Amino acid sequence: MLGNALIGLREGLEAALVVSILVAFLVRTGRRSALPMVWLGVGIAVVVSAAVTLALALAQQQLTFEAQEAFGGVLSIVAVGFVTWMVFWMRRAARSISAELQGRLEGALAMGPTAVVVMAALAVGREGLETALFFFTAARAAGETARPLIGFLIGIAVAVALAYLIYRGAVRLDLGRFFTVTGVLLILVAAGILAYGVHDLQEAGIVPGLTTLAFDVSAVIPPDSWYGVLLKGIFNFSPATTVAEAIVWVAYVAVVLPLFLRPRRSATTPA
């Protein structure tokens, strides 16, 4: 639940901030008549994202066990790729995203109502599709319970509330620090999903080493204990981890986390 709440909070706040930037720009420039078109685009993006999640779930149910594991493993790897790109993109673009979105909306307004709907749908839809894929793989790793969905919806609700308070000026949030902290946590979550994806591929017989364990701490961290469930839910930690899972987890974190945390180069002016 906690891991999916983090996904909902981080991804939901990004999407909600995009919407608030578009709405604030239209209100500030006296073009409230375009607001219904923006909201229509947002609604389309939400429906498409939900449909993608449902389609993935239905497609998986039609497959054999081996095919399900292969399907899930490949999707996990793709989802990790998307979320890795996203956290780096947000780190780089956080300061300029408002001006970029306003410029795109200005151009869409000049083209007509349909362009505004499409622009809003694409701006929010990118976040929505990333969220749908990442949530699907995280929920699949957590098991067939309602907790992942509950956690995700809680995260989305908190994100929407925060975005509204920021829009109204009631809350000041250091977005740079927020996205840095949540980015670190998402990298750890992504590492767990990547390891789970490798395990799926081992179950499907594509990657060898299913019975070759790096460690088994089930006696110390029982999977059904509260702390075992907590580690599983947040970081997808498995008490019995294969060598391949351990290698990809360590390799991913060792490469991605230092790159994400390295200081950004400050712009220098020529002498």
Protein backbone atom coordinates (compact mmCIF):
# COMPACT_ATOMS: atom_id res chain seq x y z
CA MET A 1 0.00 0.00 0.00
CA LEU A 2 2.76 2.47 0.94
CA GLY A 3 4.77 1.87 -2.22
CA ASN A 4 1.72 2.46 -4.41
CA ALA A 5 0.75 5.49 -2.32
CA LEU A 6 4.17 6.94 -3.13
CA ILE A 7 3.60 6.26 -6.83
CA GLY A 8 0.18 7.92 -6.67
CA LEU A 9 1.53 10.91 -4.73
CA ARG A 10 4.52 11.55 -6.96
CA GLU A 11 2.86 10.90 -10.32
CA GLY A 12 -0.43 12.45 -9.24
CA LEU A 13 1.23 15.65 -8.08
CA GLU A 14 3.10 15.98 -11.37
CA ALA A 15 -0.14 15.63 -13.34
CA ALA A 16 -2.05 17.91 -10.95
CA LEU A 17 0.64 20.58 -11.18
CA VAL A 18 0.45 20.43 -14.98
CA VAL A 19 -3.31 21.03 -14.77
CA SER A 20 -2.93 23.84 -12.21
CA ILE A 21 -0.35 25.59 -14.42
CA LEU A 22 -2.68 25.46 -17.41
CA VAL A 23 -5.70 26.64 -15.38
CA ALA A 24 -3.78 29.44 -13.65
CA PHE A 25 -2.48 30.70 -17.01
CA LEU A 26 -5.96 30.87 -18.51
CA VAL A 27 -7.41 32.58 -15.42
CA ARG A 28 -4.55 35.08 -15.19
CA THR A 29 -4.80 36.03 -18.86
CA GLY A 30 -8.58 36.38 -18.80
CA ARG A 31 -9.34 33.40 -21.04
CA ARG A 32 -11.61 31.41 -18.77
CA SER A 33 -13.72 30.40 -21.78
CA ALA A 34 -10.97 27.91 -22.68
CA LEU A 35 -11.15 26.14 -19.30
CA PRO A 36 -13.79 23.57 -20.41
CA MET A 37 -11.51 22.53 -23.28
CA VAL A 38 -8.61 22.01 -20.87
CA TRP A 39 -10.79 19.98 -18.53
CA LEU A 40 -12.06 17.92 -21.48
CA GLY A 41 -8.46 17.13 -22.43
CA VAL A 42 -7.66 16.18 -18.82
CA GLY A 43 -10.72 13.91 -18.71
CA ILE A 44 -9.68 12.18 -21.93
CA ALA A 45 -6.19 11.59 -20.53
CA VAL A 46 -7.60 10.09 -17.32
CA VAL A 47 -9.97 7.78 -19.21
CA VAL A 48 -7.22 6.60 -21.58
CA SER A 49 -4.84 5.93 -18.68
CA ALA A 50 -7.47 3.91 -16.81
CA ALA A 51 -8.31 2.02 -20.00
CA VAL A 52 -4.65 1.12 -20.52
CA THR A 53 -4.43 -0.27 -16.98
CA LEU A 54 -7.59 -2.31 -17.48
CA ALA A 55 -6.40 -3.55 -20.88
CA LEU A 56 -3.10 -4.73 -19.39
CA ALA A 57 -4.94 -6.61 -16.64
CA LEU A 58 -7.35 -8.26 -19.09
CA ALA A 59 -4.61 -9.16 -21.55
CA GLN A 60 -2.61 -10.87 -18.81
CA GLN A 61 -5.57 -13.00 -17.73
CA GLN A 62 -5.82 -14.54 -21.19
CA LEU A 63 -2.28 -15.91 -21.13
CA THR A 64 -0.77 -19.16 -19.88
CA PHE A 65 1.29 -19.08 -16.68
CA GLU A 66 4.62 -18.91 -18.53
CA ALA A 67 3.31 -16.25 -20.89
CA GLN A 68 1.92 -14.25 -17.95
CA GLU A 69 5.31 -14.30 -16.26
CA ALA A 70 7.08 -13.27 -19.47
CA PHE A 71 4.50 -10.53 -20.08
CA GLY A 72 4.83 -9.23 -16.54
CA GLY A 73 8.61 -9.36 -16.61
CA VAL A 74 8.88 -7.38 -19.83
CA LEU A 75 6.33 -4.80 -18.61
CA SER A 76 8.25 -4.41 -15.35
CA ILE A 77 11.45 -3.63 -17.22
CA VAL A 78 9.64 -1.18 -19.52
CA ALA A 79 7.98 0.51 -16.52
CA VAL A 80 11.33 0.91 -14.79
CA GLY A 81 12.72 2.48 -17.95
CA PHE A 82 9.83 4.96 -18.07
CA VAL A 83 10.05 5.93 -14.40
CA THR A 84 13.82 6.31 -14.58
CA TRP A 85 13.49 8.66 -17.53
CA MET A 86 10.71 10.53 -15.72
CA VAL A 87 12.60 11.24 -12.49
CA PHE A 88 15.61 12.54 -14.42
CA TRP A 89 13.42 14.62 -16.73
CA MET A 90 11.55 16.20 -13.81
CA ARG A 91 14.80 16.95 -12.01
CA ARG A 92 16.06 18.78 -15.09
CA ALA A 93 12.81 20.45 -16.20
CA ALA A 94 11.23 21.39 -12.83
CA ARG A 95 12.27 25.03 -13.13
CA SER A 96 11.21 25.51 -16.74
CA ILE A 97 8.08 23.37 -16.97
CA SER A 98 5.70 26.24 -16.20
CA ALA A 99 7.03 28.47 -18.99
CA GLU A 100 7.11 25.53 -21.40
CA LEU A 101 3.50 24.54 -20.73
CA GLN A 102 2.28 28.13 -20.96
CA GLY A 103 4.04 28.56 -24.32
CA ARG A 104 2.47 25.38 -25.68
CA LEU A 105 -0.97 26.41 -24.44
CA GLU A 106 -0.58 29.85 -26.01
CA GLY A 107 0.17 28.19 -29.34
CA ALA A 108 -2.79 25.82 -28.97
CA LEU A 109 -5.15 28.72 -28.21
CA ALA A 110 -4.07 30.40 -31.42
CA MET A 111 -4.88 27.24 -33.39
CA GLY A 112 -8.37 26.68 -31.96
CA PRO A 113 -10.42 24.68 -29.41
CA THR A 114 -9.46 21.24 -30.71
CA ALA A 115 -5.77 22.07 -30.35
CA VAL A 116 -6.33 23.09 -26.73
CA VAL A 117 -8.08 19.79 -25.96
CA VAL A 118 -5.30 17.79 -27.64
CA MET A 119 -2.56 19.81 -25.91
CA ALA A 120 -4.11 19.31 -22.45
CA ALA A 121 -4.72 15.60 -23.13
CA LEU A 122 -1.12 15.05 -24.22
CA ALA A 123 0.35 17.07 -21.33
CA VAL A 124 -1.55 15.08 -18.72
CA GLY A 125 -1.68 11.85 -20.71
CA ARG A 126 2.07 11.36 -20.64
CA GLU A 127 2.00 11.38 -16.85
CA GLY A 128 -1.10 9.20 -16.87
CA LEU A 129 0.35 6.50 -19.11
CA GLU A 130 3.57 6.35 -17.10
CA THR A 131 1.49 6.08 -13.94
CA ALA A 132 -0.73 3.35 -15.41
CA LEU A 133 2.22 1.19 -16.44
CA PHE A 134 4.18 1.70 -13.22
CA PHE A 135 1.12 1.13 -11.04
CA PHE A 136 0.18 -2.05 -12.93
CA THR A 137 3.63 -3.57 -12.46
CA ALA A 138 3.88 -2.45 -8.82
CA ALA A 139 0.41 -3.79 -8.02
CA ARG A 140 1.21 -7.09 -9.76
CA ALA A 141 4.37 -7.44 -7.67
CA ALA A 142 2.41 -6.73 -4.49
CA GLY A 143 -0.07 -9.54 -5.15
CA GLU A 144 -3.76 -9.79 -5.91
CA THR A 145 -5.17 -7.69 -3.08
CA ALA A 146 -7.01 -4.37 -2.90
CA ARG A 147 -4.22 -2.72 -0.91
CA PRO A 148 -2.18 -1.49 -3.91
CA LEU A 149 -5.25 0.23 -5.38
CA ILE A 150 -6.20 1.73 -2.00
CA GLY A 151 -2.67 3.04 -1.48
CA PHE A 152 -2.55 4.43 -5.01
CA LEU A 153 -5.87 6.23 -4.62
CA ILE A 154 -4.75 7.69 -1.28
CA GLY A 155 -1.60 9.01 -2.95
CA ILE A 156 -3.63 10.51 -5.81
CA ALA A 157 -6.04 12.17 -3.36
CA VAL A 158 -3.19 13.73 -1.35
CA ALA A 159 -1.54 14.91 -4.59
CA VAL A 160 -4.72 16.61 -5.81
CA ALA A 161 -5.25 18.27 -2.42
CA LEU A 162 -1.64 19.53 -2.35
CA ALA A 163 -1.86 20.85 -5.90
CA TYR A 164 -5.08 22.70 -5.08
CA LEU A 165 -3.57 24.26 -1.95
CA ILE A 166 -0.49 25.30 -3.92
CA TYR A 167 -2.73 26.80 -6.62
CA ARG A 168 -4.69 28.76 -4.01
CA GLY A 169 -1.48 29.93 -2.34
CA ALA A 170 -2.34 28.22 0.95
CA VAL A 171 0.75 25.99 0.89
CA ARG A 172 4.30 26.68 -0.19
CA LEU A 173 6.11 23.54 -1.23
CA ASP A 174 9.75 23.35 -2.24
CA LEU A 175 9.07 21.37 -5.41
CA GLY A 176 12.75 20.87 -6.15
CA ARG A 177 13.33 19.20 -2.81
CA PHE A 178 10.04 17.29 -3.00
CA PHE A 179 10.88 15.79 -6.39
CA THR A 180 14.41 14.98 -5.23
CA VAL A 181 13.24 13.08 -2.13
CA THR A 182 10.43 11.28 -3.92
CA GLY A 183 12.78 10.60 -6.83
CA VAL A 184 15.18 8.76 -4.52
CA LEU A 185 12.34 6.72 -3.05
CA LEU A 186 10.95 5.94 -6.51
CA ILE A 187 14.37 4.76 -7.66
CA LEU A 188 14.39 2.28 -4.78
CA VAL A 189 10.85 1.19 -5.63
CA ALA A 190 11.85 0.86 -9.30
CA ALA A 191 14.85 -1.28 -8.33
CA GLY A 192 12.50 -3.67 -6.55
CA ILE A 193 10.16 -3.81 -9.54
CA LEU A 194 13.12 -4.45 -11.84
CA ALA A 195 14.23 -7.34 -9.63
CA TYR A 196 10.67 -8.68 -9.60
CA GLY A 197 10.60 -8.43 -13.39
CA VAL A 198 13.75 -10.52 -13.60
CA HIS A 199 12.13 -13.06 -11.25
CA ASP A 200 9.12 -13.20 -13.59
CA LEU A 201 11.42 -13.91 -16.52
CA GLN A 202 13.04 -16.66 -14.46
CA GLU A 203 9.61 -18.13 -13.76
CA ALA A 204 8.95 -18.06 -17.50
CA GLY A 205 12.20 -19.90 -18.18
CA ILE A 206 13.71 -17.01 -20.14
CA VAL A 207 16.35 -16.09 -17.54
CA PRO A 208 18.16 -18.95 -15.78
CA GLY A 209 18.89 -19.26 -12.07
CA LEU A 210 15.45 -19.50 -10.51
CA THR A 211 16.69 -21.87 -7.79
CA THR A 212 20.07 -20.17 -7.31
CA LEU A 213 19.59 -17.94 -4.28
CA ALA A 214 21.81 -15.05 -3.27
CA PHE A 215 20.32 -15.20 0.22
CA ASP A 216 17.31 -16.50 2.09
CA VAL A 217 16.39 -14.58 5.26
CA SER A 218 12.84 -15.91 5.52
CA ALA A 219 13.55 -17.11 9.08
CA VAL A 220 14.56 -13.58 10.13
CA ILE A 221 12.10 -11.65 7.94
CA PRO A 222 9.01 -13.84 7.47
CA PRO A 223 7.07 -12.77 4.36
CA ASP A 224 3.82 -12.62 6.37
CA SER A 225 5.26 -10.49 9.21
CA TRP A 226 4.35 -6.80 9.39
CA TYR A 227 7.90 -5.72 8.59
CA GLY A 228 8.16 -8.29 5.82
CA VAL A 229 4.94 -6.97 4.29
CA LEU A 230 6.21 -3.39 4.75
CA LEU A 231 9.49 -4.10 2.96
CA LYS A 232 7.63 -5.97 0.24
CA GLY A 233 5.10 -3.18 -0.23
CA ILE A 234 7.58 -0.32 -0.38
CA PHE A 235 10.72 -1.80 -1.92
CA ASN A 236 9.41 -5.14 -3.23
CA PHE A 237 11.95 -6.88 -1.01
CA SER A 238 11.88 -10.68 -1.21
CA PRO A 239 13.36 -12.65 1.73
CA ALA A 240 14.42 -15.35 -0.75
CA THR A 241 16.23 -13.47 -3.52
CA THR A 242 17.91 -15.11 -6.48
CA VAL A 243 21.39 -14.15 -7.62
CA ALA A 244 20.05 -12.54 -10.80
CA GLU A 245 17.55 -10.44 -8.82
CA ALA A 246 20.24 -9.27 -6.41
CA ILE A 247 22.62 -8.38 -9.23
CA VAL A 248 20.11 -6.25 -11.16
CA TRP A 249 18.90 -4.52 -7.96
CA VAL A 250 22.41 -3.57 -6.87
CA ALA A 251 23.50 -2.62 -10.40
CA TYR A 252 20.46 -0.40 -10.96
CA VAL A 253 20.76 1.43 -7.65
CA ALA A 254 24.55 1.74 -7.92
CA VAL A 255 24.28 3.40 -11.32
CA VAL A 256 21.02 5.36 -11.22
CA LEU A 257 21.04 6.75 -7.67
CA PRO A 258 24.48 8.47 -7.84
CA LEU A 259 23.62 9.92 -11.25
CA PHE A 260 20.34 11.27 -9.89
CA LEU A 261 21.94 12.80 -6.80
CA ARG A 262 24.97 14.32 -8.48
CA PRO A 263 25.03 18.12 -8.28
CA ARG A 264 23.66 19.90 -11.30
CA ARG A 265 26.07 22.05 -13.23
CA SER A 266 25.41 25.73 -12.79
CA ALA A 267 25.32 27.88 -15.87
CA THR A 268 28.47 29.92 -16.37
CA THR A 269 28.74 33.12 -18.30
CA PRO A 270 31.68 33.60 -20.65
CA ALA A 271 34.31 36.08 -19.58
